[in-house]
Amino acid sequence: MALLEITRTAYHVGSAADRAVHAAYGAFGRFAAWNDARRTRRVLGALSAHELNDIGLTGADIDTIARRGRV
């Protein structure tokens, strides 16, 4: 049985382009998370108390779910 281990150095200093791409990915990720939370709040907020109860939620759960994705 053979074992192949491939590692990268932990002290890699990226170029300015690498840092810019990393920053853009981070900004896109934050925007996507914000947009997902916004859409979740909008959809759940449109449901009646009875509909929320049918899926085991209350109106107070909406912000928690939007922030974390679950209760």
N, C-alpha and C. Protein backbone atom coordinates (compact mmCIF):
# COMPACT_ATOMS: atom_id res chain seq x y z
N MET A 1 0.85 -1.17 0.00
CA MET A 1 0.00 0.00 0.00
C MET A 1 0.90 1.24 0.00
N ALA A 2 0.61 2.16 -0.86
CA ALA A 2 1.42 3.36 -0.99
C ALA A 2 0.65 4.55 -0.45
N LEU A 3 1.38 5.48 0.09
CA LEU A 3 0.78 6.70 0.61
C LEU A 3 1.47 7.88 -0.06
N LEU A 4 0.69 8.75 -0.65
CA LEU A 4 1.23 9.93 -1.30
C LEU A 4 0.69 11.14 -0.57
N GLU A 5 1.57 11.96 -0.06
CA GLU A 5 1.15 13.15 0.66
C GLU A 5 1.62 14.37 -0.11
N ILE A 6 0.68 15.24 -0.42
CA ILE A 6 0.99 16.47 -1.13
C ILE A 6 0.58 17.62 -0.23
N THR A 7 1.52 18.49 0.06
CA THR A 7 1.21 19.63 0.92
C THR A 7 1.68 20.91 0.26
N ARG A 8 1.12 21.98 0.71
CA ARG A 8 1.56 23.31 0.28
C ARG A 8 2.20 23.99 1.47
N THR A 9 3.09 24.90 1.18
CA THR A 9 3.71 25.62 2.28
C THR A 9 2.68 26.55 2.91
N ALA A 10 2.72 26.66 4.21
CA ALA A 10 1.76 27.49 4.93
C ALA A 10 2.11 28.97 4.83
N TYR A 11 3.31 29.27 4.38
CA TYR A 11 3.78 30.65 4.38
C TYR A 11 3.84 31.24 2.98
N HIS A 12 2.92 30.82 2.12
CA HIS A 12 2.87 31.33 0.76
C HIS A 12 2.43 32.80 0.79
N VAL A 13 3.22 33.65 0.19
CA VAL A 13 2.87 35.06 0.08
C VAL A 13 2.42 35.28 -1.36
N GLY A 14 1.14 35.57 -1.53
CA GLY A 14 0.59 35.71 -2.86
C GLY A 14 0.92 37.06 -3.47
N SER A 15 0.79 37.09 -4.76
CA SER A 15 1.01 38.34 -5.48
C SER A 15 -0.19 39.26 -5.27
N ALA A 16 -0.07 40.46 -5.74
CA ALA A 16 -1.17 41.42 -5.64
C ALA A 16 -2.40 40.89 -6.39
N ALA A 17 -2.19 40.23 -7.51
CA ALA A 17 -3.30 39.66 -8.27
C ALA A 17 -3.99 38.56 -7.47
N ASP A 18 -3.20 37.71 -6.80
CA ASP A 18 -3.77 36.65 -5.96
C ASP A 18 -4.62 37.25 -4.85
N ARG A 19 -4.11 38.29 -4.22
CA ARG A 19 -4.85 38.92 -3.12
C ARG A 19 -6.12 39.58 -3.65
N ALA A 20 -6.07 40.17 -4.83
CA ALA A 20 -7.25 40.81 -5.42
C ALA A 20 -8.31 39.77 -5.75
N VAL A 21 -7.90 38.64 -6.31
CA VAL A 21 -8.85 37.57 -6.62
C VAL A 21 -9.46 37.03 -5.34
N HIS A 22 -8.64 36.82 -4.31
CA HIS A 22 -9.12 36.32 -3.03
C HIS A 22 -10.13 37.31 -2.42
N ALA A 23 -9.85 38.59 -2.50
CA ALA A 23 -10.77 39.61 -1.98
C ALA A 23 -12.08 39.62 -2.76
N ALA A 24 -11.99 39.44 -4.08
CA ALA A 24 -13.20 39.40 -4.90
C ALA A 24 -14.06 38.19 -4.56
N TYR A 25 -13.42 37.02 -4.37
CA TYR A 25 -14.16 35.83 -3.96
C TYR A 25 -14.82 36.04 -2.61
N GLY A 26 -14.10 36.67 -1.68
CA GLY A 26 -14.67 36.94 -0.36
C GLY A 26 -15.86 37.87 -0.45
N ALA A 27 -15.73 38.92 -1.26
CA ALA A 27 -16.84 39.87 -1.42
C ALA A 27 -18.03 39.19 -2.07
N PHE A 28 -17.78 38.34 -3.05
CA PHE A 28 -18.87 37.62 -3.70
C PHE A 28 -19.55 36.68 -2.71
N GLY A 29 -18.77 36.01 -1.89
CA GLY A 29 -19.33 35.10 -0.89
C GLY A 29 -20.20 35.83 0.13
N ARG A 30 -19.73 37.00 0.58
CA ARG A 30 -20.53 37.80 1.53
C ARG A 30 -21.81 38.30 0.87
N PHE A 31 -21.73 38.72 -0.39
CA PHE A 31 -22.92 39.16 -1.10
C PHE A 31 -23.91 38.01 -1.26
N ALA A 32 -23.41 36.83 -1.63
CA ALA A 32 -24.29 35.67 -1.82
C ALA A 32 -24.97 35.30 -0.51
N ALA A 33 -24.24 35.33 0.61
CA ALA A 33 -24.83 35.02 1.92
C ALA A 33 -25.89 36.04 2.29
N TRP A 34 -25.60 37.32 2.05
CA TRP A 34 -26.57 38.37 2.34
C TRP A 34 -27.83 38.18 1.49
N ASN A 35 -27.65 37.89 0.21
CA ASN A 35 -28.78 37.71 -0.69
C ASN A 35 -29.61 36.49 -0.30
N ASP A 36 -28.97 35.39 0.08
CA ASP A 36 -29.70 34.21 0.53
C ASP A 36 -30.54 34.52 1.76
N ALA A 37 -29.96 35.25 2.72
CA ALA A 37 -30.71 35.62 3.93
C ALA A 37 -31.88 36.53 3.58
N ARG A 38 -31.66 37.47 2.68
CA ARG A 38 -32.73 38.40 2.26
C ARG A 38 -33.87 37.64 1.62
N ARG A 39 -33.56 36.72 0.72
CA ARG A 39 -34.60 35.94 0.04
C ARG A 39 -35.34 35.04 1.02
N THR A 40 -34.60 34.44 1.96
CA THR A 40 -35.23 33.58 2.96
C THR A 40 -36.21 34.38 3.81
N ARG A 41 -35.78 35.57 4.26
CA ARG A 41 -36.68 36.42 5.06
C ARG A 41 -37.93 36.79 4.25
N ARG A 42 -37.74 37.12 2.99
CA ARG A 42 -38.87 37.52 2.15
C ARG A 42 -39.86 36.38 1.97
N VAL A 43 -39.37 35.20 1.66
CA VAL A 43 -40.25 34.05 1.41
C VAL A 43 -40.96 33.63 2.70
N LEU A 44 -40.21 33.48 3.79
CA LEU A 44 -40.83 33.07 5.04
C LEU A 44 -41.75 34.15 5.59
N GLY A 45 -41.39 35.41 5.39
CA GLY A 45 -42.23 36.51 5.85
C GLY A 45 -43.56 36.58 5.13
N ALA A 46 -43.63 36.03 3.95
CA ALA A 46 -44.88 36.04 3.18
C ALA A 46 -45.85 34.95 3.63
N LEU A 47 -45.37 33.98 4.43
CA LEU A 47 -46.23 32.90 4.89
C LEU A 47 -47.08 33.36 6.08
N SER A 48 -48.26 32.80 6.18
CA SER A 48 -49.13 33.10 7.32
C SER A 48 -48.64 32.33 8.55
N ALA A 49 -49.16 32.70 9.72
CA ALA A 49 -48.79 32.01 10.96
C ALA A 49 -49.17 30.54 10.87
N HIS A 50 -50.29 30.24 10.25
CA HIS A 50 -50.74 28.85 10.10
C HIS A 50 -49.77 28.07 9.20
N GLU A 51 -49.34 28.68 8.10
CA GLU A 51 -48.40 28.02 7.20
C GLU A 51 -47.05 27.80 7.87
N LEU A 52 -46.59 28.79 8.63
CA LEU A 52 -45.34 28.61 9.37
C LEU A 52 -45.48 27.49 10.38
N ASN A 53 -46.61 27.44 11.07
CA ASN A 53 -46.85 26.38 12.05
C ASN A 53 -46.84 25.01 11.39
N ASP A 54 -47.36 24.92 10.17
CA ASP A 54 -47.37 23.65 9.44
C ASP A 54 -45.96 23.11 9.21
N ILE A 55 -44.99 23.98 9.06
CA ILE A 55 -43.61 23.53 8.83
C ILE A 55 -42.78 23.61 10.11
N GLY A 56 -43.46 23.83 11.25
CA GLY A 56 -42.79 23.79 12.54
C GLY A 56 -42.04 25.05 12.91
N LEU A 57 -42.47 26.19 12.40
CA LEU A 57 -41.80 27.45 12.68
C LEU A 57 -42.77 28.47 13.25
N THR A 58 -42.21 29.52 13.81
CA THR A 58 -42.99 30.68 14.22
C THR A 58 -42.37 31.90 13.54
N GLY A 59 -43.06 33.01 13.63
CA GLY A 59 -42.52 34.24 13.04
C GLY A 59 -41.20 34.65 13.67
N ALA A 60 -41.02 34.30 14.95
CA ALA A 60 -39.77 34.64 15.64
C ALA A 60 -38.58 33.85 15.12
N ASP A 61 -38.82 32.73 14.46
CA ASP A 61 -37.74 31.90 13.93
C ASP A 61 -37.15 32.42 12.63
N ILE A 62 -37.84 33.31 11.97
CA ILE A 62 -37.44 33.74 10.63
C ILE A 62 -36.03 34.35 10.60
N ASP A 63 -35.74 35.29 11.50
CA ASP A 63 -34.41 35.91 11.50
C ASP A 63 -33.32 34.91 11.83
N THR A 64 -33.59 34.00 12.76
CA THR A 64 -32.60 32.98 13.12
C THR A 64 -32.29 32.09 11.93
N ILE A 65 -33.33 31.69 11.23
CA ILE A 65 -33.14 30.83 10.06
C ILE A 65 -32.40 31.58 8.96
N ALA A 66 -32.75 32.83 8.75
CA ALA A 66 -32.09 33.62 7.70
C ALA A 66 -30.61 33.81 8.01
N ARG A 67 -30.26 33.99 9.27
CA ARG A 67 -28.85 34.18 9.64
C ARG A 67 -28.06 32.90 9.57
N ARG A 68 -28.60 31.81 10.10
CA ARG A 68 -27.84 30.56 10.21
C ARG A 68 -28.26 29.49 9.23
N GLY A 69 -29.40 29.63 8.61
CA GLY A 69 -29.86 28.62 7.68
C GLY A 69 -30.66 27.51 8.31
N ARG A 70 -30.80 27.53 9.63
CA ARG A 70 -31.59 26.51 10.32
C ARG A 70 -31.94 27.02 11.71
N VAL A 71 -32.85 26.34 12.38
CA VAL A 71 -33.26 26.74 13.75
C VAL A 71 -32.30 26.16 14.73
